[in-house]
Amino acid sequence: MNMKTKQYNPSHLEIEFTHALIQLKKELEQYLTDNKIVSIRSDEQSDNPAVHFHLEDMDGDQHELVIRIIQRVDGQSDHSSA
């Protein structure tokens, strides 16, 4: 198998996907009942980049959701669970 991706930690695709999630803030908020996204922070240079969403609900309570972006090595994906 000839793998084209050489850099995985973080990979170019992981960084692009991280940026895309950040750009989708307004679209994501449309689906969050009674919550708004107050801020977004990313650590895109780490091994598996993460996007930290800081939210506030209608009661003023603060919440954090973290999405970690992991690209599997070429040929090791499990497409059956999608």
PDB file of N, CA and C in Angstrom:
ATOM      1  N   MET A   1       0.833  -1.173   0.000  1.00  0.00           N
ATOM      2  CA  MET A   1       0.000   0.000   0.000  1.00  0.00           C
ATOM      3  C   MET A   1       0.882   1.242   0.000  1.00  0.00           C
ATOM      4  N   ASN A   2       0.573   2.175  -0.880  1.00  0.00           N
ATOM      5  CA  ASN A   2       1.342   3.411  -0.992  1.00  0.00           C
ATOM      6  C   ASN A   2       0.603   4.525  -0.253  1.00  0.00           C
ATOM      7  N   MET A   3       1.088   4.909   0.913  1.00  0.00           N
ATOM      8  CA  MET A   3       0.442   5.956   1.698  1.00  0.00           C
ATOM      9  C   MET A   3       0.974   7.319   1.264  1.00  0.00           C
ATOM     10  N   LYS A   4       0.046   8.237   0.976  1.00  0.00           N
ATOM     11  CA  LYS A   4       0.440   9.574   0.550  1.00  0.00           C
ATOM     12  C   LYS A   4       0.615  10.508   1.734  1.00  0.00           C
ATOM     13  N   THR A   5      -0.157  10.313   2.801  1.00  0.00           N
ATOM     14  CA  THR A   5      -0.053  11.180   3.979  1.00  0.00           C
ATOM     15  C   THR A   5       1.200  10.810   4.751  1.00  0.00           C
ATOM     16  N   LYS A   6       2.045  11.784   4.983  1.00  0.00           N
ATOM     17  CA  LYS A   6       3.313  11.546   5.679  1.00  0.00           C
ATOM     18  C   LYS A   6       3.290  12.083   7.104  1.00  0.00           C
ATOM     19  N   GLN A   7       2.530  13.155   7.337  1.00  0.00           N
ATOM     20  CA  GLN A   7       2.496  13.824   8.639  1.00  0.00           C
ATOM     21  C   GLN A   7       1.125  13.610   9.274  1.00  0.00           C
ATOM     22  N   TYR A   8       1.084  12.979  10.444  1.00  0.00           N
ATOM     23  CA  TYR A   8      -0.181  12.735  11.123  1.00  0.00           C
ATOM     24  C   TYR A   8      -0.316  13.452  12.458  1.00  0.00           C
ATOM     25  N   ASN A   9       0.705  14.074  12.959  1.00  0.00           N
ATOM     26  CA  ASN A   9       0.671  14.590  14.325  1.00  0.00           C
ATOM     27  C   ASN A   9       1.009  16.056  14.428  1.00  0.00           C
ATOM     28  N   PRO A  10       0.172  16.987  14.149  1.00  0.00           N
ATOM     29  CA  PRO A  10      -1.150  16.810  13.554  1.00  0.00           C
ATOM     30  C   PRO A  10      -1.052  16.779  12.029  1.00  0.00           C
ATOM     31  N   SER A  11      -2.040  16.168  11.415  1.00  0.00           N
ATOM     32  CA  SER A  11      -2.054  16.121   9.953  1.00  0.00           C
ATOM     33  C   SER A  11      -2.674  17.401   9.403  1.00  0.00           C
ATOM     34  N   HIS A  12      -2.415  17.653   8.137  1.00  0.00           N
ATOM     35  CA  HIS A  12      -2.990  18.815   7.456  1.00  0.00           C
ATOM     36  C   HIS A  12      -4.515  18.731   7.484  1.00  0.00           C
ATOM     37  N   LEU A  13      -5.057  17.533   7.291  1.00  0.00           N
ATOM     38  CA  LEU A  13      -6.508  17.338   7.301  1.00  0.00           C
ATOM     39  C   LEU A  13      -7.089  17.628   8.686  1.00  0.00           C
ATOM     40  N   GLU A  14      -6.407  17.198   9.747  1.00  0.00           N
ATOM     41  CA  GLU A  14      -6.876  17.487  11.107  1.00  0.00           C
ATOM     42  C   GLU A  14      -6.939  18.989  11.358  1.00  0.00           C
ATOM     43  N   ILE A  15      -5.931  19.709  10.913  1.00  0.00           N
ATOM     44  CA  ILE A  15      -5.893  21.162  11.107  1.00  0.00           C
ATOM     45  C   ILE A  15      -6.992  21.840  10.291  1.00  0.00           C
ATOM     46  N   GLU A  16      -7.183  21.426   9.046  1.00  0.00           N
ATOM     47  CA  GLU A  16      -8.245  22.004   8.218  1.00  0.00           C
ATOM     48  C   GLU A  16      -9.622  21.745   8.814  1.00  0.00           C
ATOM     49  N   PHE A  17      -9.833  20.528   9.333  1.00  0.00           N
ATOM     50  CA  PHE A  17     -11.126  20.184   9.919  1.00  0.00           C
ATOM     51  C   PHE A  17     -11.367  21.000  11.189  1.00  0.00           C
ATOM     52  N   THR A  18     -10.313  21.224  11.960  1.00  0.00           N
ATOM     53  CA  THR A  18     -10.403  22.067  13.153  1.00  0.00           C
ATOM     54  C   THR A  18     -10.844  23.475  12.767  1.00  0.00           C
ATOM     55  N   HIS A  19     -10.230  24.035  11.743  1.00  0.00           N
ATOM     56  CA  HIS A  19     -10.595  25.383  11.273  1.00  0.00           C
ATOM     57  C   HIS A  19     -12.041  25.411  10.777  1.00  0.00           C
ATOM     58  N   ALA A  20     -12.458  24.351  10.091  1.00  0.00           N
ATOM     59  CA  ALA A  20     -13.823  24.288   9.572  1.00  0.00           C
ATOM     60  C   ALA A  20     -14.842  24.285  10.709  1.00  0.00           C
ATOM     61  N   LEU A  21     -14.587  23.521  11.766  1.00  0.00           N
ATOM     62  CA  LEU A  21     -15.499  23.504  12.916  1.00  0.00           C
ATOM     63  C   LEU A  21     -15.638  24.890  13.533  1.00  0.00           C
ATOM     64  N   ILE A  22     -14.540  25.594  13.650  1.00  0.00           N
ATOM     65  CA  ILE A  22     -14.562  26.940  14.226  1.00  0.00           C
ATOM     66  C   ILE A  22     -15.413  27.871  13.362  1.00  0.00           C
ATOM     67  N   GLN A  23     -15.295  27.754  12.040  1.00  0.00           N
ATOM     68  CA  GLN A  23     -16.053  28.604  11.116  1.00  0.00           C
ATOM     69  C   GLN A  23     -17.550  28.316  11.143  1.00  0.00           C
ATOM     70  N   LEU A  24     -17.942  27.149  11.642  1.00  0.00           N
ATOM     71  CA  LEU A  24     -19.353  26.745  11.653  1.00  0.00           C
ATOM     72  C   LEU A  24     -20.094  27.181  12.917  1.00  0.00           C
ATOM     73  N   LYS A  25     -19.536  28.087  13.680  1.00  0.00           N
ATOM     74  CA  LYS A  25     -20.124  28.505  14.960  1.00  0.00           C
ATOM     75  C   LYS A  25     -21.596  28.890  14.824  1.00  0.00           C
ATOM     76  N   LYS A  26     -21.922  29.794  13.927  1.00  0.00           N
ATOM     77  CA  LYS A  26     -23.301  30.259  13.779  1.00  0.00           C
ATOM     78  C   LYS A  26     -24.236  29.130  13.344  1.00  0.00           C
ATOM     79  N   GLU A  27     -23.773  28.289  12.445  1.00  0.00           N
ATOM     80  CA  GLU A  27     -24.600  27.170  11.989  1.00  0.00           C
ATOM     81  C   GLU A  27     -24.839  26.171  13.120  1.00  0.00           C
ATOM     82  N   LEU A  28     -23.836  25.906  13.941  1.00  0.00           N
ATOM     83  CA  LEU A  28     -23.986  24.981  15.064  1.00  0.00           C
ATOM     84  C   LEU A  28     -24.960  25.531  16.102  1.00  0.00           C
ATOM     85  N   GLU A  29     -24.895  26.827  16.369  1.00  0.00           N
ATOM     86  CA  GLU A  29     -25.774  27.435  17.370  1.00  0.00           C
ATOM     87  C   GLU A  29     -27.249  27.265  17.015  1.00  0.00           C
ATOM     88  N   GLN A  30     -27.580  27.167  15.741  1.00  0.00           N
ATOM     89  CA  GLN A  30     -28.967  26.978  15.323  1.00  0.00           C
ATOM     90  C   GLN A  30     -29.555  25.692  15.889  1.00  0.00           C
ATOM     91  N   TYR A  31     -28.701  24.709  16.180  1.00  0.00           N
ATOM     92  CA  TYR A  31     -29.156  23.401  16.652  1.00  0.00           C
ATOM     93  C   TYR A  31     -29.029  23.237  18.166  1.00  0.00           C
ATOM     94  N   LEU A  32     -28.557  24.259  18.847  1.00  0.00           N
ATOM     95  CA  LEU A  32     -28.361  24.191  20.296  1.00  0.00           C
ATOM     96  C   LEU A  32     -29.527  24.889  20.993  1.00  0.00           C
ATOM     97  N   THR A  33     -30.453  24.101  21.498  1.00  0.00           N
ATOM     98  CA  THR A  33     -31.616  24.645  22.181  1.00  0.00           C
ATOM     99  C   THR A  33     -31.196  25.253  23.511  1.00  0.00           C
ATOM    100  N   ASP A  34     -31.558  26.495  23.720  1.00  0.00           N
ATOM    101  CA  ASP A  34     -31.324  27.193  24.992  1.00  0.00           C
ATOM    102  C   ASP A  34     -29.851  27.359  25.348  1.00  0.00           C
ATOM    103  N   ASN A  35     -28.958  27.300  24.391  1.00  0.00           N
ATOM    104  CA  ASN A  35     -27.526  27.503  24.624  1.00  0.00           C
ATOM    105  C   ASN A  35     -26.954  28.384  23.527  1.00  0.00           C
ATOM    106  N   LYS A  36     -25.926  29.143  23.897  1.00  0.00           N
ATOM    107  CA  LYS A  36     -25.201  29.903  22.884  1.00  0.00           C
ATOM    108  C   LYS A  36     -23.705  29.638  23.072  1.00  0.00           C
ATOM    109  N   ILE A  37     -22.982  29.694  21.983  1.00  0.00           N
ATOM    110  CA  ILE A  37     -21.536  29.504  22.035  1.00  0.00           C
ATOM    111  C   ILE A  37     -20.915  30.850  22.383  1.00  0.00           C
ATOM    112  N   VAL A  38     -20.261  30.896  23.533  1.00  0.00           N
ATOM    113  CA  VAL A  38     -19.653  32.131  24.018  1.00  0.00           C
ATOM    114  C   VAL A  38     -18.278  32.331  23.392  1.00  0.00           C
ATOM    115  N   SER A  39     -17.501  31.250  23.316  1.00  0.00           N
ATOM    116  CA  SER A  39     -16.173  31.333  22.709  1.00  0.00           C
ATOM    117  C   SER A  39     -15.746  29.951  22.245  1.00  0.00           C
ATOM    118  N   ILE A  40     -14.753  29.958  21.388  1.00  0.00           N
ATOM    119  CA  ILE A  40     -14.180  28.709  20.868  1.00  0.00           C
ATOM    120  C   ILE A  40     -12.662  28.828  20.963  1.00  0.00           C
ATOM    121  N   ARG A  41     -12.044  27.771  21.444  1.00  0.00           N
ATOM    122  CA  ARG A  41     -10.577  27.726  21.543  1.00  0.00           C
ATOM    123  C   ARG A  41     -10.122  26.419  20.906  1.00  0.00           C
ATOM    124  N   SER A  42      -8.997  26.473  20.216  1.00  0.00           N
ATOM    125  CA  SER A  42      -8.461  25.247  19.621  1.00  0.00           C
ATOM    126  C   SER A  42      -6.993  25.094  19.995  1.00  0.00           C
ATOM    127  N   ASP A  43      -6.571  23.850  20.042  1.00  0.00           N
ATOM    128  CA  ASP A  43      -5.144  23.555  20.239  1.00  0.00           C
ATOM    129  C   ASP A  43      -4.687  22.721  19.054  1.00  0.00           C
ATOM    130  N   GLU A  44      -4.695  23.381  17.904  1.00  0.00           N
ATOM    131  CA  GLU A  44      -4.487  22.693  16.631  1.00  0.00           C
ATOM    132  C   GLU A  44      -3.078  22.177  16.391  1.00  0.00           C
ATOM    133  N   GLN A  45      -2.119  22.563  17.178  1.00  0.00           N
ATOM    134  CA  GLN A  45      -0.762  22.068  16.963  1.00  0.00           C
ATOM    135  C   GLN A  45      -0.448  20.828  17.803  1.00  0.00           C
ATOM    136  N   SER A  46      -1.399  20.388  18.634  1.00  0.00           N
ATOM    137  CA  SER A  46      -1.155  19.181  19.429  1.00  0.00           C
ATOM    138  C   SER A  46      -1.318  17.941  18.565  1.00  0.00           C
ATOM    139  N   ASP A  47      -0.928  16.800  19.091  1.00  0.00           N
ATOM    140  CA  ASP A  47      -0.963  15.531  18.370  1.00  0.00           C
ATOM    141  C   ASP A  47      -2.329  15.292  17.732  1.00  0.00           C
ATOM    142  N   ASN A  48      -3.379  15.331  18.507  1.00  0.00           N
ATOM    143  CA  ASN A  48      -4.748  15.240  18.004  1.00  0.00           C
ATOM    144  C   ASN A  48      -5.451  16.526  18.394  1.00  0.00           C
ATOM    145  N   PRO A  49      -5.590  17.456  17.438  1.00  0.00           N
ATOM    146  CA  PRO A  49      -6.161  18.762  17.752  1.00  0.00           C
ATOM    147  C   PRO A  49      -7.539  18.639  18.400  1.00  0.00           C
ATOM    148  N   ALA A  50      -7.853  19.601  19.242  1.00  0.00           N
ATOM    149  CA  ALA A  50      -9.165  19.641  19.888  1.00  0.00           C
ATOM    150  C   ALA A  50      -9.750  21.028  19.714  1.00  0.00           C
ATOM    151  N   VAL A  51     -11.085  21.056  19.643  1.00  0.00           N
ATOM    152  CA  VAL A  51     -11.815  22.310  19.599  1.00  0.00           C
ATOM    153  C   VAL A  51     -12.652  22.366  20.870  1.00  0.00           C
ATOM    154  N   HIS A  52     -12.458  23.411  21.661  1.00  0.00           N
ATOM    155  CA  HIS A  52     -13.162  23.597  22.928  1.00  0.00           C
ATOM    156  C   HIS A  52     -14.254  24.646  22.714  1.00  0.00           C
ATOM    157  N   PHE A  53     -15.499  24.228  22.861  1.00  0.00           N
ATOM    158  CA  PHE A  53     -16.632  25.134  22.730  1.00  0.00           C
ATOM    159  C   PHE A  53     -17.086  25.524  24.135  1.00  0.00           C
ATOM    160  N   HIS A  54     -17.070  26.808  24.427  1.00  0.00           N
ATOM    161  CA  HIS A  54     -17.540  27.324  25.714  1.00  0.00           C
ATOM    162  C   HIS A  54     -18.945  27.871  25.490  1.00  0.00           C
ATOM    163  N   LEU A  55     -19.899  27.293  26.216  1.00  0.00           N
ATOM    164  CA  LEU A  55     -21.300  27.634  26.022  1.00  0.00           C
ATOM    165  C   LEU A  55     -21.902  28.219  27.288  1.00  0.00           C
ATOM    166  N   GLU A  56     -23.018  28.920  27.102  1.00  0.00           N
ATOM    167  CA  GLU A  56     -23.791  29.451  28.219  1.00  0.00           C
ATOM    168  C   GLU A  56     -25.251  29.119  27.974  1.00  0.00           C
ATOM    169  N   ASP A  57     -25.905  28.544  29.004  1.00  0.00           N
ATOM    170  CA  ASP A  57     -27.316  28.214  28.846  1.00  0.00           C
ATOM    171  C   ASP A  57     -28.191  29.379  29.308  1.00  0.00           C
ATOM    172  N   MET A  58     -29.506  29.194  29.239  1.00  0.00           N
ATOM    173  CA  MET A  58     -30.449  30.268  29.568  1.00  0.00           C
ATOM    174  C   MET A  58     -30.367  30.691  31.030  1.00  0.00           C
ATOM    175  N   ASP A  59     -29.877  29.815  31.894  1.00  0.00           N
ATOM    176  CA  ASP A  59     -29.729  30.138  33.316  1.00  0.00           C
ATOM    177  C   ASP A  59     -28.415  30.843  33.618  1.00  0.00           C
ATOM    178  N   GLY A  60     -27.583  31.020  32.591  1.00  0.00           N
ATOM    179  CA  GLY A  60     -26.284  31.654  32.788  1.00  0.00           C
ATOM    180  C   GLY A  60     -25.184  30.679  33.185  1.00  0.00           C
ATOM    181  N   ASP A  61     -25.505  29.372  33.218  1.00  0.00           N
ATOM    182  CA  ASP A  61     -24.499  28.362  33.559  1.00  0.00           C
ATOM    183  C   ASP A  61     -23.537  28.169  32.396  1.00  0.00           C
ATOM    184  N   GLN A  62     -22.264  28.012  32.727  1.00  0.00           N
ATOM    185  CA  GLN A  62     -21.216  27.819  31.727  1.00  0.00           C
ATOM    186  C   GLN A  62     -20.989  26.329  31.497  1.00  0.00           C
ATOM    187  N   HIS A  63     -20.772  25.944  30.252  1.00  0.00           N
ATOM    188  CA  HIS A  63     -20.501  24.553  29.887  1.00  0.00           C
ATOM    189  C   HIS A  63     -19.363  24.529  28.875  1.00  0.00           C
ATOM    190  N   GLU A  64     -18.665  23.412  28.817  1.00  0.00           N
ATOM    191  CA  GLU A  64     -17.598  23.236  27.827  1.00  0.00           C
ATOM    192  C   GLU A  64     -17.779  21.897  27.138  1.00  0.00           C
ATOM    193  N   LEU A  65     -17.754  21.917  25.827  1.00  0.00           N
ATOM    194  CA  LEU A  65     -17.757  20.710  25.008  1.00  0.00           C
ATOM    195  C   LEU A  65     -16.430  20.668  24.267  1.00  0.00           C
ATOM    196  N   VAL A  66     -15.805  19.496  24.228  1.00  0.00           N
ATOM    197  CA  VAL A  66     -14.518  19.344  23.563  1.00  0.00           C
ATOM    198  C   VAL A  66     -14.653  18.282  22.483  1.00  0.00           C
ATOM    199  N   ILE A  67     -14.244  18.652  21.284  1.00  0.00           N
ATOM    200  CA  ILE A  67     -14.223  17.705  20.160  1.00  0.00           C
ATOM    201  C   ILE A  67     -12.770  17.508  19.762  1.00  0.00           C
ATOM    202  N   ARG A  68     -12.301  16.276  19.848  1.00  0.00           N
ATOM    203  CA  ARG A  68     -10.922  15.944  19.479  1.00  0.00           C
ATOM    204  C   ARG A  68     -10.944  15.375  18.061  1.00  0.00           C
ATOM    205  N   ILE A  69     -10.050  15.882  17.214  1.00  0.00           N
ATOM    206  CA  ILE A  69      -9.968  15.484  15.809  1.00  0.00           C
ATOM    207  C   ILE A  69      -8.841  14.466  15.661  1.00  0.00           C
ATOM    208  N   ILE A  70      -9.198  13.275  15.202  1.00  0.00           N
ATOM    209  CA  ILE A  70      -8.205  12.204  15.054  1.00  0.00           C
ATOM    210  C   ILE A  70      -8.309  11.628  13.645  1.00  0.00           C
ATOM    211  N   GLN A  71      -7.225  11.731  12.902  1.00  0.00           N
ATOM    212  CA  GLN A  71      -7.170  11.092  11.591  1.00  0.00           C
ATOM    213  C   GLN A  71      -6.457   9.766  11.767  1.00  0.00           C
ATOM    214  N   ARG A  72      -7.119   8.708  11.356  1.00  0.00           N
ATOM    215  CA  ARG A  72      -6.483   7.399  11.422  1.00  0.00           C
ATOM    216  C   ARG A  72      -5.469   7.255  10.293  1.00  0.00           C
ATOM    217  N   VAL A  73      -4.505   6.399  10.504  1.00  0.00           N
ATOM    218  CA  VAL A  73      -3.496   6.129   9.479  1.00  0.00           C
ATOM    219  C   VAL A  73      -4.196   5.543   8.262  1.00  0.00           C
ATOM    220  N   ASP A  74      -3.755   5.946   7.053  1.00  0.00           N
ATOM    221  CA  ASP A  74      -4.352   5.436   5.816  1.00  0.00           C
ATOM    222  C   ASP A  74      -4.495   3.918   5.866  1.00  0.00           C
ATOM    223  N   GLY A  75      -5.694   3.443   5.475  1.00  0.00           N
ATOM    224  CA  GLY A  75      -5.918   2.004   5.415  1.00  0.00           C
ATOM    225  C   GLY A  75      -6.391   1.403   6.725  1.00  0.00           C
ATOM    226  N   GLN A  76      -6.496   2.186   7.802  1.00  0.00           N
ATOM    227  CA  GLN A  76      -6.931   1.657   9.087  1.00  0.00           C
ATOM    228  C   GLN A  76      -8.290   2.208   9.509  1.00  0.00           C
ATOM    229  N   SER A  77      -9.009   2.807   8.609  1.00  0.00           N
ATOM    230  CA  SER A  77     -10.319   3.379   8.947  1.00  0.00           C
ATOM    231  C   SER A  77     -11.360   2.286   9.077  1.00  0.00           C
ATOM    232  N   ASP A  78     -12.311   2.513   9.969  1.00  0.00           N
ATOM    233  CA  ASP A  78     -13.427   1.604  10.157  1.00  0.00           C
ATOM    234  C   ASP A  78     -14.672   2.306   9.625  1.00  0.00           C
ATOM    235  N   HIS A  79     -14.968   2.116   8.358  1.00  0.00           N
ATOM    236  CA  HIS A  79     -16.093   2.815   7.722  1.00  0.00           C
ATOM    237  C   HIS A  79     -17.423   2.217   8.108  1.00  0.00           C
ATOM    238  N   SER A  80     -17.455   1.042   8.708  1.00  0.00           N
ATOM    239  CA  SER A  80     -18.720   0.378   9.016  1.00  0.00           C
ATOM    240  C   SER A  80     -19.462   1.039  10.151  1.00  0.00           C
ATOM    241  N   SER A  81     -18.818   1.874  10.974  1.00  0.00           N
ATOM    242  CA  SER A  81     -19.479   2.474  12.128  1.00  0.00           C
ATOM    243  C   SER A  81     -20.053   3.856  11.839  1.00  0.00           C
ATOM    244  N   ALA A  82     -19.969   4.340  10.606  1.00  0.00           N
ATOM    245  CA  ALA A  82     -20.433   5.692  10.276  1.00  0.00           C
ATOM    246  C   ALA A  82     -21.920   5.803  10.227  1.00  0.00           C
TER     247      ALA A  82
END
